[in-house]
Amino acid sequence: MRRDVNIGLLCSEVPGSVRVGDWVLIHVGFAMSKIDEGEARETLELLEGLGEPFEQELAEIRESGR
């Protein structure tokens, strides 16, 4: 899933520190921190391990058009 994300919180610290293709943790549309690919995969595995609640959340996001 692709979304527009505000990276201003990260770039205000070090301009140019976040680029297309980087992994970031996002909360309500804002990039909160830059993470490496390993941490991103671990986080995704954790979320997928939630099963139905995670799938329901994804379905609601898709339906909302956000």
N, C-alpha and C. Protein backbone atom coordinates (compact mmCIF):
# COMPACT_ATOMS: atom_id res chain seq x y z
N MET A 1 0.85 -1.16 0.00
CA MET A 1 0.00 0.00 0.00
C MET A 1 0.90 1.23 0.00
N ARG A 2 0.57 2.22 -0.80
CA ARG A 2 1.36 3.45 -0.85
C ARG A 2 0.51 4.60 -0.38
N ARG A 3 1.12 5.49 0.38
CA ARG A 3 0.44 6.65 0.94
C ARG A 3 1.37 7.85 0.90
N ASP A 4 0.78 9.04 0.83
CA ASP A 4 1.55 10.25 1.03
C ASP A 4 1.84 10.38 2.52
N VAL A 5 3.07 10.72 2.85
CA VAL A 5 3.49 10.82 4.24
C VAL A 5 4.26 12.11 4.43
N ASN A 6 3.98 12.82 5.49
CA ASN A 6 4.70 14.04 5.82
C ASN A 6 6.01 13.65 6.51
N ILE A 7 7.14 14.03 5.91
CA ILE A 7 8.46 13.70 6.47
C ILE A 7 9.10 14.91 7.16
N GLY A 8 8.32 15.96 7.33
CA GLY A 8 8.85 17.20 7.91
C GLY A 8 9.49 17.02 9.27
N LEU A 9 8.96 16.14 10.10
CA LEU A 9 9.54 15.94 11.43
C LEU A 9 10.95 15.37 11.36
N LEU A 10 11.20 14.52 10.39
CA LEU A 10 12.53 13.93 10.25
C LEU A 10 13.48 14.85 9.51
N CYS A 11 12.99 15.52 8.48
CA CYS A 11 13.85 16.38 7.67
C CYS A 11 14.20 17.68 8.37
N SER A 12 13.42 18.07 9.36
CA SER A 12 13.75 19.30 10.08
C SER A 12 15.03 19.12 10.89
N GLU A 13 15.32 17.86 11.28
CA GLU A 13 16.53 17.57 12.04
C GLU A 13 17.76 17.57 11.12
N VAL A 14 17.66 16.82 10.01
CA VAL A 14 18.76 16.72 9.05
C VAL A 14 18.14 16.74 7.64
N PRO A 15 18.14 17.91 6.99
CA PRO A 15 17.56 17.99 5.64
C PRO A 15 18.15 16.93 4.71
N GLY A 16 17.26 16.28 3.94
CA GLY A 16 17.70 15.25 3.01
C GLY A 16 17.98 13.90 3.64
N SER A 17 17.66 13.74 4.92
CA SER A 17 17.97 12.49 5.61
C SER A 17 17.00 11.36 5.28
N VAL A 18 15.86 11.70 4.68
CA VAL A 18 14.88 10.69 4.29
C VAL A 18 14.66 10.80 2.78
N ARG A 19 14.78 9.65 2.11
CA ARG A 19 14.64 9.63 0.66
C ARG A 19 13.60 8.58 0.26
N VAL A 20 13.12 8.68 -0.97
CA VAL A 20 12.21 7.68 -1.52
C VAL A 20 12.88 6.31 -1.40
N GLY A 21 12.16 5.35 -0.89
CA GLY A 21 12.68 4.00 -0.70
C GLY A 21 13.16 3.70 0.71
N ASP A 22 13.35 4.74 1.52
CA ASP A 22 13.73 4.52 2.92
C ASP A 22 12.55 3.94 3.69
N TRP A 23 12.85 3.22 4.75
CA TRP A 23 11.84 2.67 5.65
C TRP A 23 11.64 3.64 6.80
N VAL A 24 10.40 3.97 7.08
CA VAL A 24 10.09 4.86 8.20
C VAL A 24 8.89 4.33 8.97
N LEU A 25 8.83 4.63 10.25
CA LEU A 25 7.65 4.34 11.05
C LEU A 25 6.71 5.52 10.91
N ILE A 26 5.45 5.23 10.63
CA ILE A 26 4.46 6.28 10.36
C ILE A 26 3.35 6.20 11.40
N HIS A 27 2.94 7.36 11.86
CA HIS A 27 1.79 7.47 12.76
C HIS A 27 0.93 8.62 12.26
N VAL A 28 -0.32 8.34 12.00
CA VAL A 28 -1.31 9.29 11.48
C VAL A 28 -0.75 10.19 10.38
N GLY A 29 -0.03 9.58 9.44
CA GLY A 29 0.44 10.31 8.27
C GLY A 29 1.77 11.03 8.42
N PHE A 30 2.41 10.87 9.57
CA PHE A 30 3.70 11.53 9.79
C PHE A 30 4.78 10.48 10.00
N ALA A 31 5.91 10.65 9.32
CA ALA A 31 7.07 9.79 9.53
C ALA A 31 7.68 10.16 10.87
N MET A 32 7.73 9.21 11.78
CA MET A 32 8.21 9.49 13.14
C MET A 32 9.69 9.15 13.31
N SER A 33 10.15 8.10 12.61
CA SER A 33 11.56 7.74 12.71
C SER A 33 11.95 6.90 11.50
N LYS A 34 13.21 7.00 11.14
CA LYS A 34 13.76 6.19 10.06
C LYS A 34 14.27 4.89 10.66
N ILE A 35 13.98 3.77 10.00
CA ILE A 35 14.42 2.46 10.50
C ILE A 35 15.10 1.71 9.37
N ASP A 36 15.84 0.66 9.73
CA ASP A 36 16.48 -0.15 8.69
C ASP A 36 15.51 -1.23 8.22
N GLU A 37 15.85 -1.88 7.13
CA GLU A 37 14.96 -2.87 6.53
C GLU A 37 14.69 -4.04 7.47
N GLY A 38 15.67 -4.46 8.23
CA GLY A 38 15.47 -5.56 9.17
C GLY A 38 14.42 -5.23 10.22
N GLU A 39 14.50 -4.03 10.76
CA GLU A 39 13.51 -3.61 11.76
C GLU A 39 12.12 -3.50 11.12
N ALA A 40 12.08 -3.03 9.88
CA ALA A 40 10.80 -2.92 9.17
C ALA A 40 10.18 -4.30 8.99
N ARG A 41 10.98 -5.27 8.60
CA ARG A 41 10.46 -6.63 8.40
C ARG A 41 9.99 -7.25 9.72
N GLU A 42 10.74 -7.02 10.79
CA GLU A 42 10.33 -7.54 12.11
C GLU A 42 9.00 -6.93 12.54
N THR A 43 8.84 -5.64 12.31
CA THR A 43 7.60 -4.96 12.68
C THR A 43 6.44 -5.50 11.86
N LEU A 44 6.65 -5.69 10.57
CA LEU A 44 5.60 -6.24 9.71
C LEU A 44 5.22 -7.65 10.15
N GLU A 45 6.21 -8.47 10.48
CA GLU A 45 5.91 -9.82 10.96
C GLU A 45 5.09 -9.79 12.24
N LEU A 46 5.42 -8.88 13.14
CA LEU A 46 4.66 -8.73 14.38
C LEU A 46 3.21 -8.35 14.08
N LEU A 47 3.02 -7.37 13.20
CA LEU A 47 1.66 -6.95 12.85
C LEU A 47 0.89 -8.07 12.17
N GLU A 48 1.54 -8.78 11.24
CA GLU A 48 0.87 -9.90 10.56
C GLU A 48 0.51 -10.99 11.56
N GLY A 49 1.30 -11.14 12.61
CA GLY A 49 1.03 -12.14 13.65
C GLY A 49 -0.24 -11.84 14.44
N LEU A 50 -0.72 -10.61 14.36
CA LEU A 50 -1.97 -10.26 15.03
C LEU A 50 -3.17 -10.90 14.36
N GLY A 51 -2.98 -11.33 13.10
CA GLY A 51 -4.04 -12.03 12.38
C GLY A 51 -5.20 -11.14 12.00
N GLU A 52 -6.40 -11.56 12.37
CA GLU A 52 -7.64 -10.90 11.96
C GLU A 52 -7.70 -9.40 12.30
N PRO A 53 -7.30 -8.98 13.50
CA PRO A 53 -7.35 -7.53 13.77
C PRO A 53 -6.52 -6.71 12.78
N PHE A 54 -5.36 -7.22 12.42
CA PHE A 54 -4.50 -6.53 11.45
C PHE A 54 -5.16 -6.51 10.07
N GLU A 55 -5.69 -7.64 9.65
CA GLU A 55 -6.35 -7.72 8.34
C GLU A 55 -7.56 -6.80 8.28
N GLN A 56 -8.32 -6.72 9.38
CA GLN A 56 -9.49 -5.85 9.44
C GLN A 56 -9.08 -4.39 9.32
N GLU A 57 -8.01 -4.01 10.00
CA GLU A 57 -7.52 -2.64 9.93
C GLU A 57 -7.10 -2.28 8.51
N LEU A 58 -6.39 -3.18 7.84
CA LEU A 58 -6.00 -2.94 6.45
C LEU A 58 -7.22 -2.80 5.55
N ALA A 59 -8.23 -3.64 5.75
CA ALA A 59 -9.44 -3.56 4.94
C ALA A 59 -10.14 -2.23 5.15
N GLU A 60 -10.21 -1.76 6.38
CA GLU A 60 -10.85 -0.47 6.65
C GLU A 60 -10.09 0.69 6.02
N ILE A 61 -8.78 0.61 6.04
CA ILE A 61 -7.96 1.66 5.40
C ILE A 61 -8.22 1.67 3.89
N ARG A 62 -8.22 0.49 3.27
CA ARG A 62 -8.48 0.41 1.83
C ARG A 62 -9.86 0.96 1.48
N GLU A 63 -10.86 0.61 2.26
CA GLU A 63 -12.23 1.05 2.00
C GLU A 63 -12.40 2.55 2.18
N SER A 64 -11.63 3.14 3.08
CA SER A 64 -11.77 4.57 3.36
C SER A 64 -11.14 5.44 2.27
N GLY A 65 -10.25 4.84 1.48
CA GLY A 65 -9.57 5.60 0.44
C GLY A 65 -8.49 6.52 0.98
N ARG A 66 -8.11 6.33 2.24
CA ARG A 66 -7.07 7.18 2.85
C ARG A 66 -5.72 6.88 2.23
